[in-house]
N, C-alpha and C. Protein backbone atom coordinates (compact mmCIF):
# COMPACT_ATOMS: atom_id res chain seq x y z
N MET A 1 8.67 19.57 21.90
CA MET A 1 8.96 18.47 20.77
C MET A 1 8.37 18.58 19.65
N PRO A 2 8.74 19.06 18.57
CA PRO A 2 7.16 19.38 17.04
C PRO A 2 6.88 18.41 16.72
N LYS A 3 5.87 18.73 16.06
CA LYS A 3 4.63 17.70 15.20
C LYS A 3 6.14 16.35 14.57
N MET A 4 5.85 15.30 14.96
CA MET A 4 6.03 14.01 13.35
C MET A 4 5.50 14.88 12.36
N LYS A 5 6.16 14.36 11.24
CA LYS A 5 5.50 14.99 9.69
C LYS A 5 5.69 12.99 9.09
N THR A 6 4.35 13.38 8.57
CA THR A 6 3.63 11.68 7.61
C THR A 6 5.28 11.65 6.35
N LYS A 7 5.79 10.65 6.50
CA LYS A 7 6.52 10.22 5.18
C LYS A 7 5.60 10.66 3.60
N SER A 8 6.21 11.15 2.78
CA SER A 8 4.70 11.42 2.33
C SER A 8 4.37 10.15 1.57
N SER A 9 6.13 9.54 0.67
CA SER A 9 5.77 7.94 -0.22
C SER A 9 4.02 7.70 0.38
N ALA A 10 4.50 7.47 1.47
CA ALA A 10 3.74 6.73 2.68
C ALA A 10 1.90 6.98 2.23
N LYS A 11 2.44 8.15 2.11
CA LYS A 11 0.92 8.89 2.16
C LYS A 11 -0.08 8.74 0.66
N LYS A 12 0.47 7.97 -0.28
CA LYS A 12 -0.30 8.76 -0.82
C LYS A 12 0.18 6.57 -1.13
N ARG A 13 0.59 6.14 -1.37
CA ARG A 13 0.86 4.28 -1.68
C ARG A 13 -0.37 3.02 -0.75
N PHE A 14 -0.43 4.34 0.90
CA PHE A 14 -1.28 3.13 1.68
C PHE A 14 -3.15 3.88 2.23
N LYS A 15 -3.59 3.22 2.59
CA LYS A 15 -4.93 3.86 2.94
C LYS A 15 -5.04 3.06 4.39
N ILE A 16 -5.71 3.27 5.42
CA ILE A 16 -6.72 2.57 6.49
C ILE A 16 -7.86 2.45 6.00
N THR A 17 -8.19 0.88 6.30
CA THR A 17 -9.71 0.62 6.78
C THR A 17 -10.54 0.92 7.71
N GLY A 18 -11.32 1.88 7.33
CA GLY A 18 -12.47 1.03 8.54
C GLY A 18 -12.05 0.39 9.68
N THR A 19 -11.81 -0.78 9.76
CA THR A 19 -11.44 -1.82 10.18
C THR A 19 -9.92 -1.71 11.67
N GLY A 20 -8.93 -0.68 11.02
CA GLY A 20 -7.48 -0.47 11.72
C GLY A 20 -7.31 -1.56 10.32
N LYS A 21 -7.41 -2.43 9.60
CA LYS A 21 -5.59 -2.86 8.52
C LYS A 21 -5.51 -1.31 7.70
N ILE A 22 -4.01 -1.73 6.60
CA ILE A 22 -3.84 -0.97 5.81
C ILE A 22 -3.36 -1.76 4.18
N LYS A 23 -4.69 -0.69 3.86
CA LYS A 23 -4.63 -1.39 2.21
C LYS A 23 -3.26 -0.59 1.39
N ARG A 24 -3.29 -2.21 0.18
CA ARG A 24 -2.24 -1.76 -0.81
C ARG A 24 -2.76 -1.61 -1.57
N LYS A 25 -2.28 -1.11 -3.04
CA LYS A 25 -1.92 -1.57 -4.67
C LYS A 25 -1.22 -2.48 -4.42
N HIS A 26 -1.28 -3.22 -5.29
CA HIS A 26 0.11 -3.88 -6.17
C HIS A 26 1.10 -3.46 -7.62
N ALA A 27 2.18 -3.99 -7.42
CA ALA A 27 3.19 -3.45 -7.79
C ALA A 27 3.15 -3.84 -8.93
N PHE A 28 3.90 -3.82 -10.45
CA PHE A 28 4.06 -4.39 -11.23
C PHE A 28 2.81 -3.97 -12.37
N LYS A 29 1.94 -3.08 -12.33
CA LYS A 29 0.40 -2.67 -13.18
C LYS A 29 1.17 -1.23 -13.54
N SER A 30 2.87 -0.48 -13.98
CA SER A 30 1.87 0.53 -14.60
C SER A 30 2.44 -0.15 -15.66
N HIS A 31 3.67 -0.07 -16.27
CA HIS A 31 4.35 -0.29 -17.38
C HIS A 31 4.60 -1.13 -18.29
N ILE A 32 4.90 -1.59 -19.43
CA ILE A 32 6.15 -3.66 -19.52
C ILE A 32 4.63 -4.00 -18.90
N LEU A 33 3.33 -3.97 -19.92
CA LEU A 33 2.22 -4.98 -19.87
C LEU A 33 2.04 -5.12 -20.85
N THR A 34 2.78 -5.03 -21.69
CA THR A 34 2.30 -6.77 -23.42
C THR A 34 2.99 -8.23 -22.30
N LYS A 35 4.52 -8.13 -21.64
CA LYS A 35 4.32 -9.79 -21.72
C LYS A 35 2.89 -10.39 -20.66
N LYS A 36 2.94 -9.21 -20.50
CA LYS A 36 1.68 -9.86 -18.56
C LYS A 36 0.57 -10.43 -19.46
N THR A 37 0.14 -11.74 -18.75
CA THR A 37 -1.18 -12.32 -19.52
C THR A 37 -2.38 -11.52 -18.64
N LYS A 38 -3.97 -11.48 -19.64
CA LYS A 38 -4.62 -10.97 -19.27
C LYS A 38 -5.36 -11.25 -17.50
N LYS A 39 -5.00 -13.01 -17.29
CA LYS A 39 -5.93 -12.84 -16.29
C LYS A 39 -4.39 -12.46 -15.16
N GLN A 40 -3.27 -11.93 -15.68
CA GLN A 40 -2.50 -11.62 -14.51
C GLN A 40 -2.10 -9.87 -14.35
N LYS A 41 -2.36 -9.62 -14.98
CA LYS A 41 -3.18 -8.05 -14.98
C LYS A 41 -4.23 -7.99 -14.45
N ARG A 42 -5.28 -8.38 -14.41
CA ARG A 42 -6.76 -8.48 -14.39
C ARG A 42 -6.47 -9.10 -12.73
N ASN A 43 -5.88 -9.53 -11.68
CA ASN A 43 -5.67 -9.79 -10.36
C ASN A 43 -4.69 -8.74 -9.89
N LEU A 44 -3.76 -8.38 -10.94
CA LEU A 44 -2.58 -7.40 -10.02
C LEU A 44 -3.64 -6.32 -9.76
N THR A 45 -4.99 -5.85 -10.33
CA THR A 45 -5.61 -4.38 -10.39
C THR A 45 -6.63 -4.84 -8.72
N HIS A 46 -6.67 -5.73 -8.71
CA HIS A 46 -7.43 -5.63 -7.26
C HIS A 46 -7.40 -5.33 -5.46
N ALA A 47 -7.80 -4.11 -4.55
CA ALA A 47 -6.06 -3.92 -4.09
C ALA A 47 -5.66 -4.43 -2.89
N GLY A 48 -4.50 -5.37 -2.07
CA GLY A 48 -4.60 -6.19 -1.47
C GLY A 48 -4.21 -5.25 0.43
N LEU A 49 -3.96 -6.07 1.17
CA LEU A 49 -4.11 -5.74 2.23
C LEU A 49 -2.91 -6.25 2.90
N VAL A 50 -1.76 -5.12 4.23
CA VAL A 50 -0.32 -5.20 4.16
C VAL A 50 -0.37 -5.88 5.61
N HIS A 51 0.83 -7.31 4.75
CA HIS A 51 1.43 -8.41 5.86
C HIS A 51 1.30 -7.90 7.52
N GLN A 52 1.28 -8.31 8.34
CA GLN A 52 1.04 -8.17 9.63
C GLN A 52 2.62 -7.57 10.30
N ALA A 53 3.44 -8.05 9.39
CA ALA A 53 4.35 -8.15 9.93
C ALA A 53 5.29 -6.74 9.91
N ASP A 54 4.62 -6.33 8.67
CA ASP A 54 4.74 -4.97 7.92
C ASP A 54 3.94 -3.94 8.25
N GLU A 55 2.94 -3.88 9.32
CA GLU A 55 1.83 -3.65 9.73
C GLU A 55 2.35 -1.82 10.50
N ALA A 56 3.46 -2.27 11.33
CA ALA A 56 4.13 -1.76 12.12
C ALA A 56 4.61 -0.65 11.36
N ASN A 57 6.03 -0.88 11.05
CA ASN A 57 6.84 0.55 10.17
C ASN A 57 6.37 0.70 9.27
N ILE A 58 4.78 1.00 8.50
CA ILE A 58 3.81 1.43 7.79
C ILE A 58 3.11 2.57 8.19
N LYS A 59 2.63 1.64 9.93
CA LYS A 59 1.24 2.75 11.04
C LYS A 59 3.22 4.13 11.46
N GLN A 60 4.47 4.13 11.72
CA GLN A 60 5.12 4.21 12.05
C GLN A 60 5.08 5.59 11.25
N GLN A 61 4.75 5.00 10.19
CA GLN A 61 5.87 6.28 8.71
C GLN A 61 3.97 6.90 8.44
N LEU A 62 3.85 6.83 8.60
CA LEU A 62 1.44 7.35 8.88
C LEU A 62 1.12 7.67 10.26
N CYS A 63 2.78 7.78 10.98
CA CYS A 63 2.23 8.44 12.79
C CYS A 63 0.88 8.29 12.96
N MET A 64 1.10 6.80 13.01
CA MET A 64 -0.26 6.44 13.36
C MET A 64 0.22 5.25 15.22
N LYS A 65 -0.21 5.22 16.15
CA LYS A 65 0.19 4.55 16.99
C LYS A 65 -0.04 3.83 17.11
C-alpha cells in the first residue's frame, strides 16, 4: 500500500502545537480592510485553535493518527 500524501492546502494552513492541538489563522484579514474597524483587524491578527469537532478531519488531511 502506498504512503498517504499530506494535503498541501492543510499543510500550509495549520500547525500542530506541543500539546497536540491544531493552530489556525483567522479568515477575512487579507483584503478589503478599509471597511473593517481597527479593533476587528487587531482581533483577527491573533491565531486561534481549531474546534474539537473539526480536529479529526484536519488530522486526517495532515496524515496524523
